[in-house]
N, C-alpha and C. Protein backbone atom coordinates (compact mmCIF):
# COMPACT_ATOMS: atom_id res chain seq x y z
N MET A 1 129.07 183.35 104.26
CA MET A 1 129.51 184.77 104.26
C MET A 1 129.55 185.16 102.70
N LEU A 2 129.85 184.25 101.87
CA LEU A 2 129.96 184.63 100.44
C LEU A 2 128.40 184.73 99.91
N VAL A 3 127.47 184.06 100.49
CA VAL A 3 125.99 184.34 100.09
C VAL A 3 125.51 185.83 100.53
N ASN A 4 125.84 186.22 101.67
CA ASN A 4 125.71 187.65 102.23
C ASN A 4 126.12 188.61 101.10
N ILE A 5 127.32 188.47 100.75
CA ILE A 5 127.85 189.12 99.68
C ILE A 5 127.18 189.46 98.48
N VAL A 6 126.94 188.43 97.97
CA VAL A 6 126.00 188.42 96.67
C VAL A 6 124.83 188.98 96.95
N ILE A 7 123.88 188.83 98.00
CA ILE A 7 122.57 189.35 98.33
C ILE A 7 122.78 190.77 98.44
N VAL A 8 123.67 191.32 99.24
CA VAL A 8 123.79 192.71 99.24
C VAL A 8 124.36 193.24 97.89
N ALA A 9 125.12 192.64 97.04
CA ALA A 9 125.59 193.11 95.91
C ALA A 9 124.29 193.07 94.60
N ALA A 10 123.18 192.13 94.96
CA ALA A 10 122.09 192.13 94.01
C ALA A 10 121.07 193.24 94.66
N VAL A 11 121.13 193.55 95.95
CA VAL A 11 120.12 194.48 96.27
C VAL A 11 120.74 196.10 95.91
N PHE A 12 122.00 196.22 96.01
CA PHE A 12 122.39 197.44 95.60
C PHE A 12 122.29 197.67 93.97
N GLY A 13 122.69 196.62 93.47
CA GLY A 13 122.79 196.66 92.04
C GLY A 13 121.41 196.74 91.50
N TYR A 14 120.38 196.41 91.91
CA TYR A 14 118.92 196.50 91.67
C TYR A 14 118.53 198.00 92.07
N SER A 15 119.04 198.20 92.97
CA SER A 15 118.75 200.05 93.33
C SER A 15 119.19 200.74 92.58
N GLY A 16 120.46 200.64 92.28
CA GLY A 16 121.14 201.44 91.17
C GLY A 16 120.49 201.58 89.87
N TRP A 17 120.12 200.27 89.46
CA TRP A 17 119.36 200.39 88.01
C TRP A 17 117.84 200.90 88.12
N MET A 18 117.38 201.06 89.43
CA MET A 18 115.96 201.49 89.40
C MET A 18 116.22 203.11 89.37
N ILE A 19 117.18 203.50 89.89
CA ILE A 19 117.35 204.69 89.86
C ILE A 19 118.16 205.22 88.76
N TYR A 20 118.48 204.61 88.05
CA TYR A 20 119.09 205.02 86.73
C TYR A 20 117.97 205.16 85.88
N ARG A 21 117.21 203.97 85.77
CA ARG A 21 115.79 204.26 84.97
C ARG A 21 114.68 205.55 85.26
N HIS A 22 114.66 205.66 86.51
CA HIS A 22 113.92 206.71 86.96
C HIS A 22 114.77 208.27 86.38
N VAL A 23 115.66 208.54 86.36
CA VAL A 23 116.54 209.76 85.77
C VAL A 23 116.23 209.41 84.42
N GLN A 24 116.48 208.33 83.77
CA GLN A 24 116.41 208.67 82.18
C GLN A 24 114.90 208.79 81.92
N LYS A 25 113.91 208.34 82.51
CA LYS A 25 112.47 208.45 82.27
C LYS A 25 112.04 209.90 82.73
N GLY A 26 112.48 210.53 83.67
CA GLY A 26 112.36 211.99 83.96
C GLY A 26 112.97 212.87 83.01
N LYS A 27 114.02 212.55 82.37
CA LYS A 27 114.55 213.29 81.17
C LYS A 27 113.39 213.44 80.01
N GLN A 28 112.83 212.48 79.87
CA GLN A 28 112.15 212.08 78.67
C GLN A 28 110.75 213.22 78.88
N GLY A 29 110.46 213.41 79.99
CA GLY A 29 109.23 214.30 80.08
C GLY A 29 108.19 213.32 80.81
N ALA A 30 107.13 213.92 81.20
CA ALA A 30 106.09 213.17 82.10
C ALA A 30 105.27 212.08 81.10
N CYS A 31 105.07 212.31 79.98
CA CYS A 31 104.22 211.41 79.26
C CYS A 31 105.04 210.34 78.54
N ALA A 32 106.04 211.08 78.05
CA ALA A 32 107.25 210.07 77.31
C ALA A 32 107.71 209.03 78.46
N GLY A 33 107.76 209.38 79.64
CA GLY A 33 108.29 208.40 80.37
C GLY A 33 107.54 207.40 81.01
N CYS A 34 106.26 207.61 80.85
CA CYS A 34 105.22 206.87 81.31
C CYS A 34 105.05 205.61 80.60
N ASP A 35 104.44 204.44 81.32
CA ASP A 35 104.42 203.20 80.50
C ASP A 35 102.95 203.64 79.98
N LYS A 36 102.08 204.26 80.29
CA LYS A 36 100.49 204.45 79.86
C LYS A 36 100.29 205.70 79.12
N SER A 37 101.39 205.94 78.42
CA SER A 37 101.31 207.07 77.79
C SER A 37 100.40 206.99 76.62
N LYS A 38 100.11 205.89 76.02
CA LYS A 38 99.32 205.85 74.68
C LYS A 38 97.67 205.48 75.43
N SER A 39 97.51 205.01 76.53
CA SER A 39 96.11 204.69 77.13
C SER A 39 95.56 205.71 78.32
N CYS A 40 96.53 206.61 78.64
CA CYS A 40 96.10 207.45 79.65
C CYS A 40 95.28 208.42 79.06
N PRO A 41 94.18 208.91 79.67
CA PRO A 41 93.13 210.13 79.34
C PRO A 41 94.01 211.46 79.39
N ALA A 42 94.71 211.53 80.24
CA ALA A 42 95.68 212.79 80.34
C ALA A 42 96.26 212.96 79.37
N ALA A 43 97.07 212.06 78.56
CA ALA A 43 97.54 212.39 77.39
C ALA A 43 96.82 212.61 75.99
N SER A 44 95.91 212.39 76.22
CA SER A 44 95.11 212.89 75.06
C SER A 44 95.16 214.05 74.72
N LEU A 45 95.10 214.52 73.46
CA LEU A 45 95.53 215.93 72.93
C LEU A 45 94.13 216.78 73.32
N ASP A 46 93.09 216.40 73.38
CA ASP A 46 91.83 217.19 73.66
C ASP A 46 91.59 217.26 75.25
N SER A 47 92.44 216.83 76.04
CA SER A 47 92.30 216.67 77.51
C SER A 47 93.08 218.38 77.94
N PRO A 48 92.14 218.80 78.72
CA PRO A 48 93.55 220.16 79.28
C PRO A 48 94.35 220.05 80.02
N PHE A 49 94.66 218.40 80.50
CA PHE A 49 95.79 218.07 81.29
C PHE A 49 96.73 217.61 80.42
N ALA A 50 96.74 217.39 78.85
CA ALA A 50 97.59 217.08 78.27
C ALA A 50 98.94 217.42 78.51
N CYS A 51 99.79 216.30 78.36
CA CYS A 51 101.40 216.59 78.72
C CYS A 51 102.17 217.26 78.08
N SER A 52 101.89 217.63 76.88
CA SER A 52 102.29 218.17 75.68
C SER A 52 102.16 219.73 75.97
N SER A 53 101.24 220.23 76.81
CA SER A 53 100.72 221.55 76.99
C SER A 53 101.48 222.45 77.73
N GLY A 54 101.97 221.49 78.89
CA GLY A 54 102.85 222.23 79.99
C GLY A 54 102.08 222.47 81.17
N THR A 55 101.02 223.26 81.09
CA THR A 55 100.26 223.33 82.08
C THR A 55 98.78 223.45 81.80
N ALA A 56 97.83 223.13 82.61
CA ALA A 56 96.25 223.09 82.44
C ALA A 56 95.79 224.28 82.11
N ASP A 57 96.49 225.45 82.19
CA ASP A 57 95.75 226.95 82.07
C ASP A 57 96.00 227.30 80.76
N SER A 58 97.07 226.61 80.04
CA SER A 58 97.25 227.03 78.58
C SER A 58 96.39 226.78 77.74
N LYS A 59 95.26 225.74 78.15
CA LYS A 59 94.40 225.50 77.14
C LYS A 59 92.93 226.12 77.22
N LEU A 60 92.87 226.56 78.27
CA LEU A 60 91.71 227.37 78.88
C LEU A 60 91.49 228.49 78.07
């Protein structure tokens, strides 16, 4: 019985942690929250899809 409670608590705790991280990274913006922001071709300043531009049409 105690093992079941520990497993359920671990699953809910991990789920809560993942939701918290997702919300925090979402507040940072697309590229700031992305783990590949330094190597992503879309994050390049020369790219028409650069994350800092807002939309792709603003650089065209």
